[in-house]
């Protein structure tokens, strides 16, 4: 659960008119089933919150928090409940009613957690937000299912209040796994009540149990974090173990050759995308891993509005390098369908040379060279290849711009800085920008999503600019832009 959402209003007054059998009117029968990329539920002020992907027996389960009105339900304590959507091919999905709901007066939110299959049962561990002694607290609960759809909450509920030495206010998002000896392990996001350095108190508590009744505290698996390391994930992929956790919504990871560390910092943090919040992963057929997170909404639907809780689901496929470092790309099955590419005249300035109908080169050592297409659809797919020729200060595109180049959203690449920037967000440590690489851009319903060479991704929510000119530019250098395609999105997505 993202910190910004939990503390939407730091001085809220707690209502004691509690709500049992809380409902928000979610109807699984009216939801889109063809593609879950950028999914937002149909209904009155409903959104996707934290995602909890899980895989079992060829089925990919996406459990996700059903958000009502941006965390404002139940006096801003969230009112979140779990729903699930399933697929076997990432193309066709089935949606189900609420699988873990608010059934009791004391339950104020069914928070993030995780699922494991063991002993022929599905076990869902989660945090419950509640009010105790006039204070907001988070405690651990779990439920059991035969099919991963119909869960029964277990007693006592909650089964664990808090661990000695750790925060009762922040004790959430349990990640569960079962080891080869049948022991259940939980990594729980919390804070130390006392830490050696103030404000570096975020930890992942490690709890172990054989019978789910008696829990042994192990040394924390992660310490010294500047925030609660939310929505943790943990998995083994090939020869590497990964520990994934959120930091103010951004998703970080560490890698190791051993189950519990020592952890290594990777070459780059490919899951850190400001507008992709708390991504978690699950395995998929063919030894693949598919991550799911959510794109937050913007306050007042303005381009300069801060992010607020709840938005659209977004998916990434993980790419693993030999040294264990991870990359990300669009899952091929989830790239939106398009119509036939458009034929649009390419307009260029004097520093630009046309190579073919959809390719050109820019030579601008003393300034900036440009080219552009007009009458570009607001929602479309744009693909291209980039071939830098020596050093460049920067090069890139301006999406949804005006005729004179004003407005729009800049997508810029800097090989020297190893950065890619999309309007007001940036990703770092992007290798290979000085060599040939491909770019795939999807613009859909105010979301701009970019895949750089099937290695790194960047997404943003950009709502206001609606120009129809696509500009290209290169500054202080030479670059070729090749094989450009512009394709309207299909209505069958």
Protein backbone atom coordinates (compact mmCIF):
# COMPACT_ATOMS: atom_id res chain seq x y z
CA UNK A 1 0.00 0.00 0.00
CA UNK A 2 1.53 3.28 -1.01
CA UNK A 3 2.38 5.62 1.84
CA UNK A 4 0.97 8.74 0.19
CA UNK A 5 -2.43 7.07 0.00
CA UNK A 6 -2.56 5.93 3.59
CA UNK A 7 -1.75 9.41 4.83
CA UNK A 8 -4.14 11.22 2.52
CA UNK A 9 -5.19 13.40 5.44
CA UNK A 10 -2.86 13.32 8.41
CA UNK A 11 -5.37 15.05 10.68
CA UNK A 12 -8.55 13.16 9.79
CA UNK A 13 -11.13 12.57 12.51
CA UNK A 14 -11.99 8.94 13.13
CA UNK A 15 -15.64 8.03 12.73
CA UNK A 16 -17.02 5.39 15.07
CA UNK A 17 -20.13 4.84 12.99
CA UNK A 18 -18.58 1.71 11.51
CA UNK A 19 -19.70 -0.04 8.34
CA UNK A 20 -20.27 -3.79 8.08
CA UNK A 21 -20.84 -5.47 4.71
CA UNK A 22 -19.24 -2.53 2.91
CA UNK A 23 -19.93 -2.56 -0.85
CA UNK A 24 -18.96 -0.30 -3.75
CA UNK A 25 -21.02 -1.70 -6.60
CA UNK A 26 -18.34 -3.55 -8.56
CA UNK A 27 -19.86 -5.69 -11.34
CA UNK A 28 -17.44 -8.25 -12.85
CA UNK A 29 -19.84 -8.99 -15.71
CA UNK A 30 -19.43 -5.56 -17.35
CA UNK A 31 -15.61 -5.42 -17.27
CA UNK A 32 -13.41 -5.59 -20.36
CA UNK A 33 -12.05 -9.08 -20.98
CA UNK A 34 -9.88 -8.64 -24.10
CA UNK A 35 -6.86 -6.90 -22.59
CA UNK A 36 -5.94 -5.85 -19.05
CA UNK A 37 -3.15 -3.46 -20.03
CA UNK A 38 -4.22 -0.03 -18.68
CA UNK A 39 -7.38 -1.60 -17.21
CA UNK A 40 -9.61 0.51 -14.98
CA UNK A 41 -12.85 -1.00 -13.66
CA UNK A 42 -16.15 0.20 -15.02
CA UNK A 43 -18.39 1.56 -12.30
CA UNK A 44 -18.96 4.61 -10.19
CA UNK A 45 -15.60 6.14 -9.21
CA UNK A 46 -13.75 2.79 -9.13
CA UNK A 47 -10.02 2.31 -9.64
CA UNK A 48 -7.23 -0.27 -9.43
CA UNK A 49 -5.04 -0.17 -6.34
CA UNK A 50 -2.14 -2.40 -5.33
CA UNK A 51 -1.76 -5.49 -7.51
CA UNK A 52 -1.04 -9.00 -6.20
CA UNK A 53 -0.13 -11.30 -9.11
CA UNK A 54 0.06 -15.03 -8.52
CA UNK A 55 0.48 -18.06 -10.76
CA UNK A 56 -0.65 -21.64 -10.34
CA UNK A 57 -1.15 -24.58 -12.70
CA UNK A 58 -1.01 -22.52 -15.89
CA UNK A 59 -3.28 -19.71 -14.69
CA UNK A 60 -2.13 -16.17 -13.97
CA UNK A 61 -4.20 -14.69 -11.14
CA UNK A 62 -4.25 -10.92 -10.76
CA UNK A 63 -5.61 -10.12 -7.32
CA UNK A 64 -6.00 -6.35 -6.98
CA UNK A 65 -7.32 -3.82 -4.50
CA UNK A 66 -10.68 -2.42 -5.56
CA UNK A 67 -10.43 1.28 -4.77
CA UNK A 68 -13.41 3.58 -4.37
CA UNK A 69 -12.93 7.32 -4.82
CA UNK A 70 -9.14 7.40 -4.38
CA UNK A 71 -8.76 5.93 -0.89
CA UNK A 72 -11.52 8.12 0.54
CA UNK A 73 -13.86 5.28 1.56
CA UNK A 74 -14.55 4.62 5.26
CA UNK A 75 -13.32 8.01 6.38
CA UNK A 76 -10.15 7.78 4.24
CA UNK A 77 -9.01 4.52 5.78
CA UNK A 78 -9.37 2.96 2.32
CA UNK A 79 -12.26 0.54 2.34
CA UNK A 80 -10.24 -1.63 -0.03
CA UNK A 81 -11.27 -5.16 -0.91
CA UNK A 82 -9.67 -7.90 -3.01
CA UNK A 83 -11.02 -8.87 -6.40
CA UNK A 84 -9.37 -11.20 -8.91
CA UNK A 85 -9.01 -11.42 -12.67
CA UNK A 86 -7.53 -14.54 -14.30
CA UNK A 87 -5.99 -15.52 -17.62
CA UNK A 88 -4.15 -18.41 -19.22
CA UNK A 89 -2.74 -16.46 -22.19
CA UNK A 90 -2.56 -12.77 -21.07
CA UNK A 91 -5.03 -12.01 -23.88
CA UNK A 92 -8.42 -13.11 -22.57
CA UNK A 93 -9.38 -12.45 -18.97
CA UNK A 94 -12.17 -13.46 -16.62
CA UNK A 95 -13.29 -11.24 -13.75
CA UNK A 96 -14.82 -12.38 -10.47
CA UNK A 97 -16.76 -10.72 -7.65
CA UNK A 98 -15.02 -9.57 -4.48
CA UNK A 99 -12.99 -12.49 -3.09
CA UNK A 100 -11.89 -10.86 0.19
CA UNK A 101 -14.34 -8.24 1.34
CA UNK A 102 -15.16 -6.08 4.34
CA UNK A 103 -17.52 -8.26 6.36
CA UNK A 104 -17.08 -7.02 9.92
CA UNK A 105 -17.62 -3.65 11.58
CA UNK A 106 -13.98 -3.42 12.66
CA UNK A 107 -12.51 -4.05 9.19
CA UNK A 108 -11.71 -0.68 7.63
CA UNK A 109 -9.62 -1.94 4.71
CA UNK A 110 -8.49 -5.30 3.36
CA UNK A 111 -4.96 -4.26 2.52
CA UNK A 112 -2.25 -5.68 0.29
CA UNK A 113 -0.77 -9.12 0.81
CA UNK A 114 0.08 -12.24 -1.17
CA UNK A 115 -1.06 -15.74 -2.07
CA UNK A 116 0.63 -19.14 -1.92
CA UNK A 117 -0.54 -22.64 -2.85
CA UNK A 118 0.32 -25.39 -0.39
CA UNK A 119 -1.33 -28.58 0.92
CA UNK A 120 -3.79 -28.41 -2.02
CA UNK A 121 -5.09 -25.08 -0.72
CA UNK A 122 -4.71 -21.40 -1.63
CA UNK A 123 -3.61 -19.24 1.31
CA UNK A 124 -4.15 -15.48 1.09
CA UNK A 125 -2.29 -13.42 3.70
CA UNK A 126 -3.16 -9.75 4.04
CA UNK A 127 -3.19 -6.85 6.46
CA UNK A 128 -6.41 -5.50 7.92
CA UNK A 129 -6.59 -1.79 8.77
CA UNK A 130 -8.70 -1.15 11.86
CA UNK A 131 -9.28 1.24 14.72
CA UNK A 132 -8.20 0.08 18.17
CA UNK A 133 -8.18 2.26 21.28
CA UNK A 134 -8.94 5.27 19.11
CA UNK A 135 -5.88 4.72 16.91
CA UNK A 136 -5.40 3.36 13.41
CA UNK A 137 -3.51 0.06 13.39
CA UNK A 138 -2.65 -2.67 10.90
CA UNK A 139 -2.76 -6.34 11.80
CA UNK A 140 -2.36 -9.61 9.91
CA UNK A 141 -5.15 -11.87 8.68
CA UNK A 142 -5.40 -14.82 6.34
CA UNK A 143 -7.97 -16.78 4.38
CA UNK A 144 -8.04 -20.21 2.73
CA UNK A 145 -9.57 -21.33 -0.58
CA UNK A 146 -9.89 -24.52 -2.60
CA UNK A 147 -9.90 -22.72 -5.96
CA UNK A 148 -8.23 -19.34 -5.48
CA UNK A 149 -11.62 -17.61 -5.94
CA UNK A 150 -13.77 -18.46 -2.92
CA UNK A 151 -11.89 -17.66 0.29
CA UNK A 152 -12.87 -18.22 3.91
CA UNK A 153 -11.32 -15.97 6.51
CA UNK A 154 -9.63 -17.86 9.34
CA UNK A 155 -9.94 -17.42 13.09
CA UNK A 156 -8.60 -15.78 15.10
CA UNK A 157 -8.86 -12.73 12.89
CA UNK A 158 -6.49 -10.93 12.99
CA UNK A 159 -4.15 -13.80 13.83
CA UNK A 160 -1.16 -11.53 14.59
CA UNK A 161 -1.28 -8.04 16.06
CA UNK A 162 2.31 -6.82 15.94
CA UNK A 163 5.82 -8.03 16.56
CA UNK A 164 7.76 -6.80 19.62
CA UNK A 165 9.92 -3.81 18.73
CA UNK A 166 7.99 -2.98 15.56
CA UNK A 167 5.31 -0.41 14.73
CA UNK A 168 1.64 -1.25 15.26
CA UNK A 169 0.54 1.53 12.92
CA UNK A 170 2.72 0.22 10.07
CA UNK A 171 2.52 -3.56 9.97
CA UNK A 172 1.22 -4.59 6.58
CA UNK A 173 1.63 -6.16 3.14
CA UNK A 174 2.74 -9.69 4.13
CA UNK A 175 4.61 -11.60 1.42
CA UNK A 176 4.13 -15.34 1.96
CA UNK A 177 6.09 -18.31 0.66
CA UNK A 178 6.50 -21.92 1.77
CA UNK A 179 9.95 -23.49 1.98
CA UNK A 180 10.91 -27.06 1.09
CA UNK A 181 10.26 -28.20 4.67
CA UNK A 182 6.70 -26.88 4.68
CA UNK A 183 7.33 -23.79 6.82
CA UNK A 184 5.35 -20.65 6.03
CA UNK A 185 7.47 -17.50 5.80
CA UNK A 186 6.11 -13.94 5.95
CA UNK A 187 7.99 -10.77 5.07
CA UNK A 188 6.00 -7.91 6.63
CA UNK A 189 6.49 -4.20 5.92
CA UNK A 190 6.95 -2.23 9.14
CA UNK A 191 9.12 0.22 11.09
CA UNK A 192 11.43 -0.25 14.05
CA UNK A 193 10.21 1.50 17.17
CA UNK A 194 13.84 2.45 17.80
CA UNK A 195 16.56 2.70 15.15
CA UNK A 196 20.17 3.83 15.28
CA UNK A 197 19.52 6.57 12.72
CA UNK A 198 16.26 8.47 12.93
CA UNK A 199 14.01 8.12 9.86
CA UNK A 200 15.98 5.13 8.60
CA UNK A 201 13.70 2.76 10.45
CA UNK A 202 11.88 0.95 7.62
CA UNK A 203 12.22 -2.85 7.82
CA UNK A 204 10.90 -6.11 6.44
CA UNK A 205 10.01 -8.29 9.43
CA UNK A 206 10.64 -12.03 8.91
CA UNK A 207 8.17 -14.43 10.57
CA UNK A 208 8.11 -18.25 10.28
CA UNK A 209 5.47 -20.81 11.24
CA UNK A 210 4.71 -24.47 10.64
CA UNK A 211 1.13 -24.49 11.94
CA UNK A 212 0.02 -20.86 11.21
CA UNK A 213 -0.68 -20.47 14.91
CA UNK A 214 2.77 -20.11 16.46
CA UNK A 215 5.09 -17.64 14.76
CA UNK A 216 8.83 -17.29 15.31
CA UNK A 217 10.52 -13.97 14.68
CA UNK A 218 13.69 -14.16 12.61
CA UNK A 219 16.15 -11.31 12.04
CA UNK A 220 14.62 -8.78 9.61
CA UNK A 221 15.44 -9.47 5.99
CA UNK A 222 15.80 -5.75 5.18
CA UNK A 223 16.59 -2.79 7.45
CA UNK A 224 17.53 0.88 7.35
CA UNK A 225 14.93 2.06 4.85
CA UNK A 226 13.76 5.67 4.73
CA UNK A 227 10.15 4.59 4.39
CA UNK A 228 8.09 1.48 5.11
CA UNK A 229 9.25 -1.02 2.43
CA UNK A 230 5.74 -1.66 1.18
CA UNK A 231 4.27 -4.43 -0.96
CA UNK A 232 7.32 -6.71 -0.74
CA UNK A 233 7.85 -9.48 -3.27
CA UNK A 234 10.28 -12.39 -3.15
CA UNK A 235 11.07 -15.03 -5.74
CA UNK A 236 13.74 -17.21 -7.26
CA UNK A 237 14.29 -16.99 -11.00
CA UNK A 238 16.89 -19.28 -12.55
CA UNK A 239 19.97 -18.99 -10.30
CA UNK A 240 19.03 -15.71 -8.60
CA UNK A 241 16.89 -14.75 -5.61
CA UNK A 242 15.14 -11.38 -5.66
CA UNK A 243 13.79 -9.19 -2.87
CA UNK A 244 11.43 -6.51 -4.17
CA UNK A 245 9.92 -3.67 -2.12
CA UNK A 246 8.33 -0.25 -2.45
CA UNK A 247 9.84 3.07 -1.41
CA UNK A 248 7.29 5.90 -1.58
CA UNK A 249 5.58 3.95 -4.36
CA UNK A 250 8.70 3.28 -6.43
CA UNK A 251 9.64 -0.39 -6.79
CA UNK A 252 13.21 -1.36 -5.88
CA UNK A 253 14.87 -4.75 -5.83
CA UNK A 254 17.98 -6.52 -4.57
CA UNK A 255 19.50 -9.77 -5.84
CA UNK A 256 21.42 -12.63 -4.29
CA UNK A 257 22.69 -16.13 -5.00
CA UNK A 258 21.41 -17.21 -1.56
CA UNK A 259 17.82 -17.29 -0.28
CA UNK A 260 18.15 -14.56 2.37
CA UNK A 261 21.15 -12.61 1.16
CA UNK A 262 23.65 -11.11 1.45
CA UNK A 263 21.84 -8.86 -1.00
CA UNK A 264 23.51 -7.12 -3.92
CA UNK A 265 22.54 -3.79 -5.43
CA UNK A 266 21.87 -4.32 -9.18
CA UNK A 267 23.37 -2.28 -12.02
CA UNK A 268 20.05 -0.51 -12.52
CA UNK A 269 16.60 -0.30 -10.95
CA UNK A 270 14.44 -1.15 -13.94
CA UNK A 271 11.24 -1.33 -11.89
CA UNK A 272 11.61 2.26 -10.71
CA UNK A 273 9.09 4.17 -12.79
CA UNK A 274 7.52 7.06 -10.91
CA UNK A 275 4.14 6.40 -12.48
CA UNK A 276 4.23 2.62 -12.04
CA UNK A 277 3.52 1.98 -8.39
CA UNK A 278 4.58 -1.00 -6.27
CA UNK A 279 4.99 -3.63 -8.98
CA UNK A 280 4.88 -7.30 -7.95
CA UNK A 281 5.51 -10.33 -10.11
CA UNK A 282 4.36 -13.86 -10.85
CA UNK A 283 5.72 -16.61 -13.05
CA UNK A 284 4.20 -17.37 -16.44
CA UNK A 285 4.58 -20.17 -18.95
CA UNK A 286 7.95 -20.50 -20.65
CA UNK A 287 9.95 -19.43 -17.58
CA UNK A 288 8.70 -15.86 -17.90
CA UNK A 289 7.83 -13.41 -15.15
CA UNK A 290 5.03 -10.86 -15.54
CA UNK A 291 4.91 -7.87 -13.20
CA UNK A 292 1.76 -5.89 -12.40
CA UNK A 293 1.38 -2.49 -10.78
CA UNK A 294 -0.85 0.53 -11.13
CA UNK A 295 -0.64 3.98 -12.70
CA UNK A 296 -1.92 6.58 -10.22
CA UNK A 297 -4.44 9.23 -11.11
CA UNK A 298 -3.52 12.93 -11.11
CA UNK A 299 -5.20 15.39 -8.81
CA UNK A 300 -7.90 17.33 -10.65
CA UNK A 301 -6.91 15.47 -13.85
CA UNK A 302 -4.22 18.09 -14.52
CA UNK A 303 -0.76 17.44 -15.95
CA UNK A 304 0.81 19.16 -12.96
CA UNK A 305 -1.48 17.44 -10.46
CA UNK A 306 0.12 15.26 -7.81
CA UNK A 307 -0.52 11.54 -7.96
CA UNK A 308 -3.44 10.24 -5.94
CA UNK A 309 -4.31 6.68 -4.97
CA UNK A 310 -6.01 4.42 -7.49
CA UNK A 311 -5.79 4.32 -11.26
CA UNK A 312 -5.10 1.86 -14.06
CA UNK A 313 -3.37 -1.53 -14.04
CA UNK A 314 -0.11 -1.75 -15.96
CA UNK A 315 1.98 -4.81 -16.82
CA UNK A 316 5.65 -5.41 -17.54
CA UNK A 317 7.55 -8.52 -18.55
CA UNK A 318 10.84 -8.97 -16.72
CA UNK A 319 14.08 -9.51 -18.63
CA UNK A 320 16.97 -11.17 -16.79
CA UNK A 321 20.62 -10.53 -17.62
CA UNK A 322 23.35 -13.05 -16.91
CA UNK A 323 24.52 -11.10 -13.85
CA UNK A 324 21.01 -11.13 -12.39
CA UNK A 325 20.16 -7.53 -13.25
CA UNK A 326 16.56 -7.13 -14.39
CA UNK A 327 15.09 -5.20 -17.29
CA UNK A 328 11.49 -4.64 -18.36
CA UNK A 329 9.52 -4.69 -21.60
CA UNK A 330 5.92 -4.72 -22.80
CA UNK A 331 4.41 -8.23 -22.61
CA UNK A 332 3.90 -8.98 -26.31
CA UNK A 333 0.44 -10.44 -25.75
CA UNK A 334 -0.72 -7.24 -24.05
CA UNK A 335 0.40 -4.63 -26.59
CA UNK A 336 -2.83 -2.95 -27.76
CA UNK A 337 -4.04 -3.92 -31.22
CA UNK A 338 -3.71 -1.34 -33.97
CA UNK A 339 -5.20 -0.49 -37.34
CA UNK A 340 -3.11 -0.29 -40.50
CA UNK A 341 -0.20 2.21 -40.26
CA UNK A 342 -1.01 5.69 -41.56
CA UNK A 343 0.65 7.29 -44.57
CA UNK A 344 1.62 10.82 -43.52
CA UNK A 345 4.00 13.23 -45.23
CA UNK A 346 7.26 13.87 -43.39
CA UNK A 347 8.12 17.59 -43.07
CA UNK A 348 11.75 18.55 -42.37
CA UNK A 349 14.00 21.54 -41.79
CA UNK A 350 17.30 22.24 -43.56
CA UNK A 351 19.36 20.17 -41.10
CA UNK A 352 17.34 17.04 -41.80
CA UNK A 353 17.72 14.68 -44.75
CA UNK A 354 15.05 12.26 -45.85
CA UNK A 355 16.26 8.66 -46.21
CA UNK A 356 12.91 7.05 -47.12
CA UNK A 357 9.21 7.66 -46.59
CA UNK A 358 9.56 6.85 -42.89
CA UNK A 359 13.23 7.47 -42.17
CA UNK A 360 15.48 10.52 -41.93
CA UNK A 361 18.80 11.72 -40.54
CA UNK A 362 19.54 14.85 -38.55
CA UNK A 363 22.92 16.57 -38.65
CA UNK A 364 22.92 19.44 -36.18
CA UNK A 365 26.35 19.89 -34.55
CA UNK A 366 25.75 23.63 -34.03
CA UNK A 367 22.14 23.58 -32.87
CA UNK A 368 18.97 21.59 -33.33
CA UNK A 369 17.48 19.79 -36.33
CA UNK A 370 13.83 18.81 -36.59
CA UNK A 371 11.24 16.87 -38.57
CA UNK A 372 7.54 16.34 -37.95
CA UNK A 373 4.33 14.58 -38.94
CA UNK A 374 0.93 16.27 -38.85
CA UNK A 375 -2.55 14.80 -38.28
CA UNK A 376 -1.33 12.18 -35.81
CA UNK A 377 -4.16 10.52 -33.82
CA UNK A 378 -4.34 11.33 -30.12
CA UNK A 379 -4.46 7.63 -29.23
CA UNK A 380 -2.05 5.56 -31.31
CA UNK A 381 1.02 3.35 -31.44
CA UNK A 382 4.33 4.84 -32.61
CA UNK A 383 7.32 2.61 -33.34
CA UNK A 384 10.75 3.64 -34.60
CA UNK A 385 14.44 2.80 -34.62
CA UNK A 386 17.15 5.18 -33.42
CA UNK A 387 20.73 5.13 -34.66
CA UNK A 388 22.97 7.76 -33.02
CA UNK A 389 26.12 8.77 -34.89
CA UNK A 390 28.57 9.93 -32.25
CA UNK A 391 27.83 12.12 -29.21
CA UNK A 392 24.55 14.06 -28.94
CA UNK A 393 23.43 16.45 -26.26
CA UNK A 394 19.95 14.94 -26.52
CA UNK A 395 17.45 13.73 -29.06
CA UNK A 396 13.85 12.68 -28.96
CA UNK A 397 10.23 13.40 -29.75
CA UNK A 398 7.47 15.79 -28.78
CA UNK A 399 4.12 14.00 -28.54
CA UNK A 400 0.73 15.69 -29.04
CA UNK A 401 2.37 19.00 -29.94
CA UNK A 402 1.03 22.01 -31.84
CA UNK A 403 1.91 23.11 -35.38
CA UNK A 404 4.62 25.48 -34.12
CA UNK A 405 6.15 22.90 -31.80
CA UNK A 406 4.61 24.36 -28.67
CA UNK A 407 2.81 22.29 -26.09
CA UNK A 408 3.01 18.53 -26.18
CA UNK A 409 5.09 16.14 -24.12
CA UNK A 410 8.83 15.71 -24.62
CA UNK A 411 10.33 12.24 -24.72
CA UNK A 412 14.09 12.75 -24.62
CA UNK A 413 17.10 10.43 -24.63
CA UNK A 414 20.55 11.30 -23.29
CA UNK A 415 23.32 8.77 -23.89
CA UNK A 416 25.81 10.80 -21.84
CA UNK A 417 23.56 10.91 -18.80
CA UNK A 418 22.03 7.47 -19.48
CA UNK A 419 18.55 8.92 -18.89
CA UNK A 420 15.18 8.88 -20.60
CA UNK A 421 12.69 11.61 -19.69
CA UNK A 422 8.96 11.67 -20.42
CA UNK A 423 7.55 15.07 -19.51
CA UNK A 424 8.03 15.33 -15.72
CA UNK A 425 9.35 11.84 -14.99
CA UNK A 426 12.72 10.24 -15.70
CA UNK A 427 14.41 6.83 -15.58
CA UNK A 428 18.13 6.40 -14.92
CA UNK A 429 21.03 4.08 -15.74
CA UNK A 430 19.59 3.30 -19.18
CA UNK A 431 22.41 1.63 -21.08
CA UNK A 432 22.82 1.47 -24.86
CA UNK A 433 21.43 4.88 -25.84
CA UNK A 434 24.61 5.51 -27.85
CA UNK A 435 23.87 2.49 -30.08
CA UNK A 436 21.05 1.34 -32.32
CA UNK A 437 17.83 0.80 -30.34
CA UNK A 438 14.09 0.52 -30.90
CA UNK A 439 11.25 2.49 -29.32
CA UNK A 440 7.59 1.49 -28.94
CA UNK A 441 5.16 4.18 -27.72
CA UNK A 442 1.53 3.62 -26.77
CA UNK A 443 -0.76 6.62 -26.19
CA UNK A 444 -4.14 5.60 -24.82
CA UNK A 445 -6.76 7.46 -22.76
CA UNK A 446 -4.30 9.89 -21.17
CA UNK A 447 -1.58 7.28 -20.57
CA UNK A 448 1.72 7.48 -22.44
CA UNK A 449 3.76 4.28 -22.17
CA UNK A 450 7.21 3.72 -23.71
CA UNK A 451 9.28 0.57 -24.22
CA UNK A 452 12.97 1.24 -24.97
CA UNK A 453 14.54 -1.64 -26.88
CA UNK A 454 12.72 -4.32 -24.85
CA UNK A 455 15.01 -3.44 -21.93
CA UNK A 456 13.50 -0.49 -20.03
CA UNK A 457 10.09 1.16 -19.81
CA UNK A 458 8.73 4.52 -18.71
CA UNK A 459 5.09 5.54 -18.29
CA UNK A 460 3.25 8.74 -17.41
CA UNK A 461 -0.32 9.99 -17.05
CA UNK A 462 -0.65 13.01 -19.35
CA UNK A 463 -4.12 14.35 -19.90
CA UNK A 464 -4.30 17.92 -21.16
CA UNK A 465 -2.29 18.30 -24.36
CA UNK A 466 -4.25 17.24 -27.42
CA UNK A 467 -2.20 18.51 -30.35
CA UNK A 468 -1.89 16.34 -33.46
CA UNK A 469 1.71 17.02 -34.48
CA UNK A 470 4.55 14.59 -33.77
CA UNK A 471 7.94 16.33 -33.67
CA UNK A 472 11.42 14.76 -33.79
CA UNK A 473 14.60 16.61 -32.86
CA UNK A 474 18.32 16.15 -32.29
CA UNK A 475 20.51 18.71 -30.55
CA UNK A 476 24.27 19.15 -30.98
CA UNK A 477 24.87 15.89 -32.80
CA UNK A 478 23.88 13.47 -35.52
CA UNK A 479 21.20 10.79 -35.39
CA UNK A 480 19.11 8.68 -37.73
CA UNK A 481 15.43 7.98 -37.04
CA UNK A 482 14.29 5.01 -39.07
CA UNK A 483 11.28 2.79 -39.84
CA UNK A 484 8.70 5.07 -38.22
CA UNK A 485 5.17 3.68 -38.04
CA UNK A 486 2.12 5.54 -36.72
CA UNK A 487 -0.91 3.31 -36.23
CA UNK A 488 -4.30 4.22 -34.70
CA UNK A 489 -5.35 1.97 -31.86
CA UNK A 490 -8.02 -0.55 -32.73
CA UNK A 491 -11.45 -0.30 -31.12
CA UNK A 492 -11.36 -4.06 -30.50
CA UNK A 493 -8.80 -3.84 -27.65
